[in-house]
Amino acid sequence: MNLKGTKFQLKVWNYLKEIPKGKVKTYLEVAKAIGKPRAFRAVANAVGKNPDPPKIPCHRVIRSDGSLGGYSGKGGIKQKRRLLRSEKVFVK
């Protein structure tokens, strides 16, 4: 798949593909992992613009307080919770 997005978005989306099934990362952890530790809000924005959920597993990114955050994929937050539960991940 040839993704179209900004350099930053592509960096975020490519990192999301590396998060293993059954694991979650926070927006801040993703920001740090891509070398932009202060850009956690920009990471959240890029995650929200994910063009191919759940193939690009943005459902594996949660808020620092442990809550789900949003989900732009079909089915919204309920689907995010279902996807995580199917991977044996239980969050707030």
N, C-alpha and C. Protein backbone atom coordinates (compact mmCIF):
# COMPACT_ATOMS: atom_id res chain seq x y z
N MET A 1 0.84 -1.18 0.00
CA MET A 1 0.00 0.00 0.00
C MET A 1 0.89 1.24 0.00
N ASN A 2 0.57 2.16 -0.85
CA ASN A 2 1.33 3.41 -0.94
C ASN A 2 0.57 4.49 -0.17
N LEU A 3 1.03 4.75 1.06
CA LEU A 3 0.36 5.72 1.92
C LEU A 3 0.67 7.14 1.48
N LYS A 4 -0.33 7.98 1.58
CA LYS A 4 -0.13 9.39 1.28
C LYS A 4 -0.36 10.17 2.57
N GLY A 5 0.63 10.97 2.92
CA GLY A 5 0.56 11.79 4.12
C GLY A 5 1.83 12.62 4.22
N THR A 6 1.91 13.41 5.26
CA THR A 6 3.13 14.20 5.48
C THR A 6 4.25 13.26 5.93
N LYS A 7 5.47 13.76 5.88
CA LYS A 7 6.60 12.97 6.37
C LYS A 7 6.37 12.55 7.82
N PHE A 8 5.86 13.48 8.62
CA PHE A 8 5.60 13.19 10.02
C PHE A 8 4.54 12.09 10.17
N GLN A 9 3.44 12.23 9.44
CA GLN A 9 2.38 11.21 9.51
C GLN A 9 2.91 9.84 9.11
N LEU A 10 3.68 9.79 8.04
CA LEU A 10 4.24 8.51 7.59
C LEU A 10 5.13 7.89 8.65
N LYS A 11 5.90 8.73 9.32
CA LYS A 11 6.79 8.25 10.39
C LYS A 11 5.95 7.63 11.52
N VAL A 12 4.88 8.33 11.90
CA VAL A 12 3.99 7.82 12.95
C VAL A 12 3.34 6.51 12.51
N TRP A 13 2.75 6.50 11.32
CA TRP A 13 2.05 5.30 10.85
C TRP A 13 2.98 4.11 10.72
N ASN A 14 4.19 4.34 10.25
CA ASN A 14 5.16 3.24 10.15
C ASN A 14 5.53 2.72 11.53
N TYR A 15 5.64 3.60 12.51
CA TYR A 15 5.93 3.15 13.87
C TYR A 15 4.76 2.32 14.42
N LEU A 16 3.54 2.75 14.15
CA LEU A 16 2.38 2.01 14.66
C LEU A 16 2.40 0.56 14.19
N LYS A 17 2.87 0.33 12.99
CA LYS A 17 2.93 -1.03 12.45
C LYS A 17 3.88 -1.92 13.25
N GLU A 18 4.79 -1.30 14.02
CA GLU A 18 5.77 -2.06 14.81
C GLU A 18 5.25 -2.42 16.20
N ILE A 19 4.13 -1.84 16.61
CA ILE A 19 3.58 -2.17 17.94
C ILE A 19 2.99 -3.57 17.87
N PRO A 20 3.53 -4.49 18.66
CA PRO A 20 3.06 -5.88 18.56
C PRO A 20 1.63 -6.07 19.05
N LYS A 21 0.98 -7.05 18.49
CA LYS A 21 -0.36 -7.43 18.91
C LYS A 21 -0.33 -7.72 20.41
N GLY A 22 -1.33 -7.21 21.12
CA GLY A 22 -1.40 -7.44 22.56
C GLY A 22 -0.66 -6.41 23.39
N LYS A 23 -0.06 -5.43 22.75
CA LYS A 23 0.68 -4.36 23.44
C LYS A 23 0.06 -3.02 23.09
N VAL A 24 0.21 -2.05 23.99
CA VAL A 24 -0.22 -0.69 23.69
C VAL A 24 0.91 0.28 24.00
N LYS A 25 0.86 1.42 23.36
CA LYS A 25 1.79 2.52 23.60
C LYS A 25 0.95 3.77 23.82
N THR A 26 1.51 4.73 24.54
CA THR A 26 0.83 6.01 24.69
C THR A 26 1.26 6.92 23.55
N TYR A 27 0.49 7.99 23.36
CA TYR A 27 0.86 8.98 22.35
C TYR A 27 2.25 9.53 22.65
N LEU A 28 2.54 9.75 23.94
CA LEU A 28 3.85 10.25 24.34
C LEU A 28 4.95 9.24 24.02
N GLU A 29 4.72 7.97 24.28
CA GLU A 29 5.72 6.94 23.96
C GLU A 29 5.99 6.89 22.46
N VAL A 30 4.94 7.03 21.66
CA VAL A 30 5.13 7.04 20.21
C VAL A 30 5.96 8.26 19.81
N ALA A 31 5.63 9.42 20.38
CA ALA A 31 6.38 10.64 20.07
C ALA A 31 7.87 10.48 20.40
N LYS A 32 8.15 9.92 21.56
CA LYS A 32 9.55 9.69 21.95
C LYS A 32 10.23 8.70 21.01
N ALA A 33 9.51 7.65 20.64
CA ALA A 33 10.09 6.60 19.79
C ALA A 33 10.46 7.12 18.40
N ILE A 34 9.73 8.10 17.92
CA ILE A 34 10.05 8.64 16.58
C ILE A 34 10.97 9.86 16.66
N GLY A 35 11.47 10.13 17.88
CA GLY A 35 12.44 11.20 18.04
C GLY A 35 11.84 12.59 18.18
N LYS A 36 10.56 12.67 18.50
CA LYS A 36 9.87 13.96 18.66
C LYS A 36 9.13 13.98 20.00
N PRO A 37 9.87 13.94 21.12
CA PRO A 37 9.24 13.75 22.43
C PRO A 37 8.22 14.80 22.84
N ARG A 38 8.27 15.98 22.26
CA ARG A 38 7.32 17.02 22.64
C ARG A 38 6.11 17.07 21.69
N ALA A 39 6.10 16.20 20.70
CA ALA A 39 5.07 16.25 19.66
C ALA A 39 3.95 15.25 19.89
N PHE A 40 3.64 14.95 21.15
CA PHE A 40 2.62 13.92 21.40
C PHE A 40 1.24 14.33 20.89
N ARG A 41 0.94 15.62 20.89
CA ARG A 41 -0.36 16.04 20.33
C ARG A 41 -0.38 15.89 18.82
N ALA A 42 0.73 16.18 18.19
CA ALA A 42 0.84 15.98 16.74
C ALA A 42 0.74 14.49 16.41
N VAL A 43 1.31 13.66 17.27
CA VAL A 43 1.19 12.21 17.10
C VAL A 43 -0.29 11.82 17.16
N ALA A 44 -1.00 12.33 18.15
CA ALA A 44 -2.43 12.01 18.28
C ALA A 44 -3.19 12.44 17.02
N ASN A 45 -2.83 13.60 16.49
CA ASN A 45 -3.46 14.09 15.27
C ASN A 45 -3.17 13.15 14.10
N ALA A 46 -1.91 12.74 13.97
CA ALA A 46 -1.53 11.82 12.88
C ALA A 46 -2.24 10.47 13.04
N VAL A 47 -2.32 9.98 14.27
CA VAL A 47 -3.02 8.72 14.54
C VAL A 47 -4.48 8.84 14.10
N GLY A 48 -5.09 9.99 14.39
CA GLY A 48 -6.48 10.22 14.02
C GLY A 48 -6.72 10.29 12.52
N LYS A 49 -5.66 10.53 11.77
CA LYS A 49 -5.77 10.60 10.30
C LYS A 49 -5.30 9.31 9.62
N ASN A 50 -5.13 8.27 10.41
CA ASN A 50 -4.72 6.97 9.89
C ASN A 50 -5.63 6.55 8.73
N PRO A 51 -5.07 6.33 7.54
CA PRO A 51 -5.89 6.01 6.39
C PRO A 51 -6.33 4.55 6.30
N ASP A 52 -5.79 3.69 7.16
CA ASP A 52 -6.07 2.27 6.99
C ASP A 52 -6.16 1.50 8.31
N PRO A 53 -7.07 1.94 9.23
CA PRO A 53 -7.23 1.15 10.44
C PRO A 53 -8.08 -0.08 10.14
N PRO A 54 -7.92 -1.21 10.76
CA PRO A 54 -6.92 -1.54 11.75
C PRO A 54 -5.62 -2.12 11.17
N LYS A 55 -5.48 -2.12 9.83
CA LYS A 55 -4.23 -2.63 9.24
C LYS A 55 -3.03 -1.87 9.80
N ILE A 56 -3.15 -0.55 9.88
CA ILE A 56 -2.18 0.24 10.64
C ILE A 56 -2.80 0.35 12.02
N PRO A 57 -2.25 -0.37 13.00
CA PRO A 57 -2.96 -0.59 14.26
C PRO A 57 -2.97 0.60 15.22
N CYS A 58 -3.67 1.64 14.82
CA CYS A 58 -3.76 2.83 15.68
C CYS A 58 -4.57 2.53 16.95
N HIS A 59 -5.33 1.44 16.95
CA HIS A 59 -6.08 1.08 18.16
C HIS A 59 -5.16 0.72 19.32
N ARG A 60 -3.88 0.50 19.03
CA ARG A 60 -2.92 0.14 20.07
C ARG A 60 -2.27 1.36 20.73
N VAL A 61 -2.79 2.55 20.43
CA VAL A 61 -2.27 3.78 21.04
C VAL A 61 -3.33 4.35 21.96
N ILE A 62 -2.92 4.59 23.23
CA ILE A 62 -3.85 5.08 24.24
C ILE A 62 -3.29 6.34 24.90
N ARG A 63 -4.09 6.95 25.74
CA ARG A 63 -3.66 8.15 26.48
C ARG A 63 -2.74 7.76 27.63
N SER A 64 -1.96 8.72 28.08
CA SER A 64 -1.02 8.49 29.19
C SER A 64 -1.73 8.11 30.48
N ASP A 65 -2.99 8.53 30.65
CA ASP A 65 -3.72 8.18 31.87
C ASP A 65 -4.33 6.78 31.80
N GLY A 66 -4.07 6.07 30.71
CA GLY A 66 -4.56 4.71 30.56
C GLY A 66 -5.91 4.60 29.89
N SER A 67 -6.55 5.75 29.61
CA SER A 67 -7.84 5.69 28.93
C SER A 67 -7.64 5.52 27.43
N LEU A 68 -8.70 5.18 26.74
CA LEU A 68 -8.60 4.82 25.34
C LEU A 68 -8.21 5.94 24.39
N GLY A 69 -8.66 7.15 24.65
CA GLY A 69 -8.49 8.20 23.65
C GLY A 69 -9.54 7.99 22.56
N GLY A 70 -9.25 8.41 21.36
CA GLY A 70 -10.22 8.27 20.29
C GLY A 70 -9.89 7.13 19.35
N TYR A 71 -10.76 6.94 18.37
CA TYR A 71 -10.52 5.96 17.33
C TYR A 71 -11.27 6.42 16.08
N SER A 72 -10.51 6.69 15.03
CA SER A 72 -11.10 7.21 13.81
C SER A 72 -11.60 6.12 12.87
N GLY A 73 -11.31 4.87 13.20
CA GLY A 73 -11.76 3.77 12.36
C GLY A 73 -13.25 3.54 12.47
N LYS A 74 -13.77 2.74 11.58
CA LYS A 74 -15.20 2.42 11.57
C LYS A 74 -15.59 1.80 12.91
N GLY A 75 -16.66 2.29 13.49
CA GLY A 75 -17.13 1.76 14.77
C GLY A 75 -16.66 2.58 15.96
N GLY A 76 -15.76 3.53 15.72
CA GLY A 76 -15.31 4.44 16.77
C GLY A 76 -14.72 3.74 17.98
N ILE A 77 -14.90 4.37 19.12
CA ILE A 77 -14.28 3.93 20.37
C ILE A 77 -14.72 2.53 20.78
N LYS A 78 -15.96 2.17 20.48
CA LYS A 78 -16.44 0.81 20.82
C LYS A 78 -15.62 -0.23 20.05
N GLN A 79 -15.33 0.06 18.80
CA GLN A 79 -14.53 -0.86 17.99
C GLN A 79 -13.10 -0.92 18.51
N LYS A 80 -12.56 0.22 18.95
CA LYS A 80 -11.20 0.23 19.51
C LYS A 80 -11.14 -0.70 20.72
N ARG A 81 -12.14 -0.58 21.58
CA ARG A 81 -12.18 -1.44 22.77
C ARG A 81 -12.29 -2.92 22.37
N ARG A 82 -13.13 -3.21 21.37
CA ARG A 82 -13.28 -4.61 20.89
C ARG A 82 -11.97 -5.14 20.34
N LEU A 83 -11.30 -4.33 19.52
CA LEU A 83 -10.02 -4.76 18.94
C LEU A 83 -8.99 -5.06 20.03
N LEU A 84 -8.90 -4.17 21.02
CA LEU A 84 -7.94 -4.38 22.10
C LEU A 84 -8.30 -5.62 22.92
N ARG A 85 -9.58 -5.79 23.22
CA ARG A 85 -10.00 -6.99 23.98
C ARG A 85 -9.69 -8.26 23.21
N SER A 86 -9.84 -8.22 21.89
CA SER A 86 -9.53 -9.41 21.08
C SER A 86 -8.04 -9.74 21.14
N GLU A 87 -7.22 -8.75 21.50
CA GLU A 87 -5.79 -8.95 21.64
C GLU A 87 -5.40 -9.14 23.12
N LYS A 88 -6.41 -9.33 23.97
CA LYS A 88 -6.21 -9.56 25.42
C LYS A 88 -5.63 -8.33 26.12
N VAL A 89 -6.00 -7.15 25.65
CA VAL A 89 -5.59 -5.90 26.28
C VAL A 89 -6.84 -5.27 26.88
N PHE A 90 -6.80 -4.98 28.17
CA PHE A 90 -7.93 -4.38 28.86
C PHE A 90 -7.51 -3.04 29.44
N VAL A 91 -8.18 -1.97 29.03
CA VAL A 91 -7.87 -0.63 29.48
C VAL A 91 -9.11 0.02 30.06
N LYS A 92 -8.93 1.20 30.65
CA LYS A 92 -10.04 1.94 31.28
C LYS A 92 -11.21 2.11 30.34
